[in-house]
Structure formats: C-alpha cells, structure tokens
C-alpha cells in the first residue's frame, strides 16, 4: 500500500489460492475531506463527547419518567383498581401526573437530575397507595413493575410496617 501527497492511494492484493496479483488505485478526486479536515472533525467530536453523554442520559431519564407516568396513570385509572383507591388519592395522583406531563411539555431542556427528581416525587406520592394495593392483594399482574415501590423495596425507610412476601 502506498499513499502520495495528492491523495492517491495504491493498494496491492494477492489471491492466495491462485496466486493472482492485482493493484488498485484510489484517487481522492470526488471532493472528499482532506486529512486535516478529518482530524478537525474528530477533535470536535471528542470536545463534545461529554456534552453528548449528558444529553443522552437526560433523554434516557425523560423516557423513564414518561414511562413511569404512563404506567401510574393507567394503574390509577384502571376500573378494577380505581374502586380500591380513594377518590382523594386518585385526584391527588392524577393532579401530580398532569403537572409532570405539563412540565415535560414545556419544551424546556432539562438535565438528567431534573427528570430523576420529578420521577422520585411522583414515586413518593404513589408509594403509600401502591403499598396498600399490594398489602390488600388487589394488584393485578400487569402492574408488577410497581414492585420497585412496593412493600419489599429496600428503599422502604423501615417504617415498621408489614413485609409481605408474594408467591406466584
């Protein structure tokens, strides 16, 4: 392989089975980027790498919040469960869920921490309600993802409440 200053690259290849040899010449005559331009682009990519990771983390946290928000609204408004939750609790959770939905819709750019904090505030509001549903045995299987805020959660501030083991 040989490369000259004009962007012409010559490559030699040999087929081992037949011993046939061939040369290929590659010309940089199609307006491709020069080496200096490529180095500049790579340097810019490295410069913004950390910022890109922050944006990626924020988007992931936003998606996580939206998923949890959707699940909470479905749970609270499920006709089979709504009758087991007080009107006051449903109103409070639906109000908080709408507040968060509006907050997301503001089209502001928020950090990962902002989305995580909003999710935690919603989880903290829903946790006692979900714990009551689990303890009464009325939590349908499609809502098992709420087990992370249920009575067996390690984050459960050891309030002396009952611990319920679930057997499928």
Protein backbone atom coordinates (compact mmCIF):
# COMPACT_ATOMS: atom_id res chain seq x y z
CA UNK A 1 0.00 0.00 0.00
CA UNK A 2 1.41 3.39 -1.00
CA UNK A 3 -0.01 6.84 -0.39
CA UNK A 4 1.21 10.05 -2.00
CA UNK A 5 0.66 13.70 -1.08
CA UNK A 6 -2.07 14.19 -3.70
CA UNK A 7 -4.48 11.77 -2.04
CA UNK A 8 -3.75 8.88 -4.38
CA UNK A 9 -3.66 5.51 -2.64
CA UNK A 10 -2.35 2.39 -4.34
CA UNK A 11 -3.26 -0.98 -2.84
CA UNK A 12 -1.80 -4.33 -3.88
CA UNK A 13 -3.71 -7.56 -3.35
CA UNK A 14 -2.75 -11.18 -3.90
CA UNK A 15 -5.24 -14.05 -4.02
CA UNK A 16 -3.56 -16.87 -2.12
CA UNK A 17 -5.40 -19.76 -3.82
CA UNK A 18 -4.48 -18.82 -7.40
CA UNK A 19 -1.51 -16.52 -6.79
CA UNK A 20 -3.14 -13.82 -8.91
CA UNK A 21 -1.91 -10.29 -8.06
CA UNK A 22 -3.66 -7.01 -8.70
CA UNK A 23 -3.18 -3.33 -7.93
CA UNK A 24 -5.97 -0.88 -7.19
CA UNK A 25 -5.52 2.89 -7.28
CA UNK A 26 -7.85 5.03 -5.18
CA UNK A 27 -7.99 8.73 -6.09
CA UNK A 28 -9.31 11.46 -3.84
CA UNK A 29 -10.92 13.29 -6.73
CA UNK A 30 -14.53 13.25 -5.55
CA UNK A 31 -14.27 16.20 -3.17
CA UNK A 32 -13.70 14.04 -0.10
CA UNK A 33 -12.36 15.53 3.08
CA UNK A 34 -8.66 16.20 3.49
CA UNK A 35 -6.75 14.63 6.38
CA UNK A 36 -6.64 17.97 8.24
CA UNK A 37 -10.41 18.33 7.93
CA UNK A 38 -10.93 14.80 9.22
CA UNK A 39 -8.65 15.48 12.19
CA UNK A 40 -10.58 18.68 12.93
CA UNK A 41 -13.91 16.80 12.88
CA UNK A 42 -12.55 14.11 15.20
CA UNK A 43 -11.23 16.76 17.61
CA UNK A 44 -14.64 18.46 17.67
CA UNK A 45 -16.35 15.13 18.31
CA UNK A 46 -14.06 14.48 21.27
CA UNK A 47 -14.66 18.01 22.54
CA UNK A 48 -18.44 17.49 22.61
CA UNK A 49 -18.37 13.85 23.75
CA UNK A 50 -19.14 14.67 27.39
CA UNK A 51 -21.97 17.00 26.43
CA UNK A 52 -23.43 14.31 24.15
CA UNK A 53 -23.33 11.81 27.02
CA UNK A 54 -25.17 14.28 29.28
CA UNK A 55 -27.86 14.78 26.64
CA UNK A 56 -28.15 11.01 26.15
CA UNK A 57 -28.54 10.50 29.92
CA UNK A 58 -31.18 13.25 30.11
CA UNK A 59 -33.15 11.69 27.27
CA UNK A 60 -32.98 8.30 28.95
CA UNK A 61 -34.20 9.80 32.24
CA UNK A 62 -37.00 11.62 30.41
CA UNK A 63 -38.11 8.39 28.74
CA UNK A 64 -38.01 6.62 32.10
CA UNK A 65 -40.14 9.36 33.68
CA UNK A 66 -42.66 9.28 30.83
CA UNK A 67 -42.92 5.50 31.03
CA UNK A 68 -43.49 5.62 34.78
CA UNK A 69 -46.00 8.44 34.38
CA UNK A 70 -47.94 6.46 31.77
CA UNK A 71 -47.94 3.36 34.00
CA UNK A 72 -49.11 5.29 37.06
CA UNK A 73 -51.95 6.91 35.15
CA UNK A 74 -53.03 3.53 33.78
CA UNK A 75 -52.89 1.99 37.25
CA UNK A 76 -54.80 4.78 38.99
CA UNK A 77 -57.47 4.93 36.26
CA UNK A 78 -57.86 1.16 35.81
CA UNK A 79 -61.53 0.41 36.59
CA UNK A 80 -60.59 -2.74 38.55
CA UNK A 81 -58.22 -0.79 40.77
CA UNK A 82 -59.88 2.62 40.90
CA UNK A 83 -62.57 1.27 43.20
CA UNK A 84 -59.88 0.15 45.66
CA UNK A 85 -58.23 3.59 45.74
CA UNK A 86 -59.89 6.52 47.41
CA UNK A 87 -61.16 9.40 45.29
CA UNK A 88 -58.85 11.78 47.14
CA UNK A 89 -55.77 9.64 46.36
CA UNK A 90 -56.78 9.26 42.70
CA UNK A 91 -57.34 13.01 42.38
CA UNK A 92 -54.02 13.79 44.06
CA UNK A 93 -52.04 11.35 41.85
CA UNK A 94 -53.83 12.41 38.66
CA UNK A 95 -53.14 16.05 39.51
CA UNK A 96 -49.44 15.37 40.12
CA UNK A 97 -49.25 13.27 36.93
CA UNK A 98 -50.83 16.09 34.91
CA UNK A 99 -48.46 18.60 36.49
CA UNK A 100 -45.46 16.50 35.45
CA UNK A 101 -46.89 15.91 31.98
CA UNK A 102 -47.31 19.69 31.54
CA UNK A 103 -43.78 20.25 32.92
CA UNK A 104 -42.37 17.87 30.29
CA UNK A 105 -44.44 19.51 27.54
CA UNK A 106 -42.95 22.94 28.29
CA UNK A 107 -40.28 22.11 25.68
CA UNK A 108 -37.56 23.20 28.08
CA UNK A 109 -34.26 21.39 28.12
CA UNK A 110 -33.89 19.71 31.48
CA UNK A 111 -31.00 17.78 32.98
CA UNK A 112 -30.99 14.13 33.91
CA UNK A 113 -31.22 15.18 37.57
CA UNK A 114 -34.38 17.22 36.89
CA UNK A 115 -36.15 14.23 35.34
CA UNK A 116 -34.99 11.89 38.12
CA UNK A 117 -36.21 14.31 40.79
CA UNK A 118 -39.64 14.58 39.15
CA UNK A 119 -39.90 10.80 38.96
CA UNK A 120 -38.91 10.46 42.62
CA UNK A 121 -41.54 13.00 43.67
CA UNK A 122 -44.21 11.01 41.80
CA UNK A 123 -42.93 7.71 43.22
CA UNK A 124 -43.00 9.14 46.75
CA UNK A 125 -46.61 10.20 46.28
CA UNK A 126 -47.64 6.85 44.79
CA UNK A 127 -45.67 4.61 47.14
CA UNK A 128 -48.20 4.51 50.02
CA UNK A 129 -51.09 3.91 47.62
CA UNK A 130 -49.28 1.11 45.82
CA UNK A 131 -48.22 -0.42 49.12
CA UNK A 132 -51.88 -0.54 50.20
CA UNK A 133 -52.80 -2.23 46.92
CA UNK A 134 -50.07 -4.84 47.37
CA UNK A 135 -51.00 -5.47 51.00
CA UNK A 136 -54.65 -5.93 50.10
CA UNK A 137 -53.71 -8.39 47.35
CA UNK A 138 -55.50 -6.40 44.64
CA UNK A 139 -52.50 -5.54 42.45
CA UNK A 140 -53.07 -7.15 39.01
CA UNK A 141 -50.12 -8.86 37.34
CA UNK A 142 -49.84 -6.27 34.53
CA UNK A 143 -48.73 -3.74 37.16
CA UNK A 144 -45.89 -5.82 38.63
CA UNK A 145 -43.35 -3.16 37.59
CA UNK A 146 -44.58 -1.19 40.58
CA UNK A 147 -42.93 -3.80 42.78
CA UNK A 148 -39.95 -1.43 42.99
CA UNK A 149 -42.06 0.85 45.16
CA UNK A 150 -43.95 -1.94 46.88
CA UNK A 151 -43.55 -3.19 50.44
CA UNK A 152 -40.46 -5.32 49.75
CA UNK A 153 -38.40 -2.44 48.42
CA UNK A 154 -35.06 -1.92 50.17
CA UNK A 155 -35.62 1.86 49.99
CA UNK A 156 -38.63 1.45 52.25
CA UNK A 157 -37.47 3.65 55.16
CA UNK A 158 -38.00 0.75 57.63
CA UNK A 159 -41.18 2.28 58.97
CA UNK A 160 -42.07 -0.86 60.93
CA UNK A 161 -44.88 -1.74 58.54
CA UNK A 162 -45.63 -5.28 57.48
CA UNK A 163 -43.43 -7.04 54.97
CA UNK A 164 -45.43 -9.10 52.52
CA UNK A 165 -43.81 -11.86 50.53
CA UNK A 166 -45.50 -12.54 47.25
CA UNK A 167 -45.76 -16.06 45.85
CA UNK A 168 -46.77 -16.69 42.28
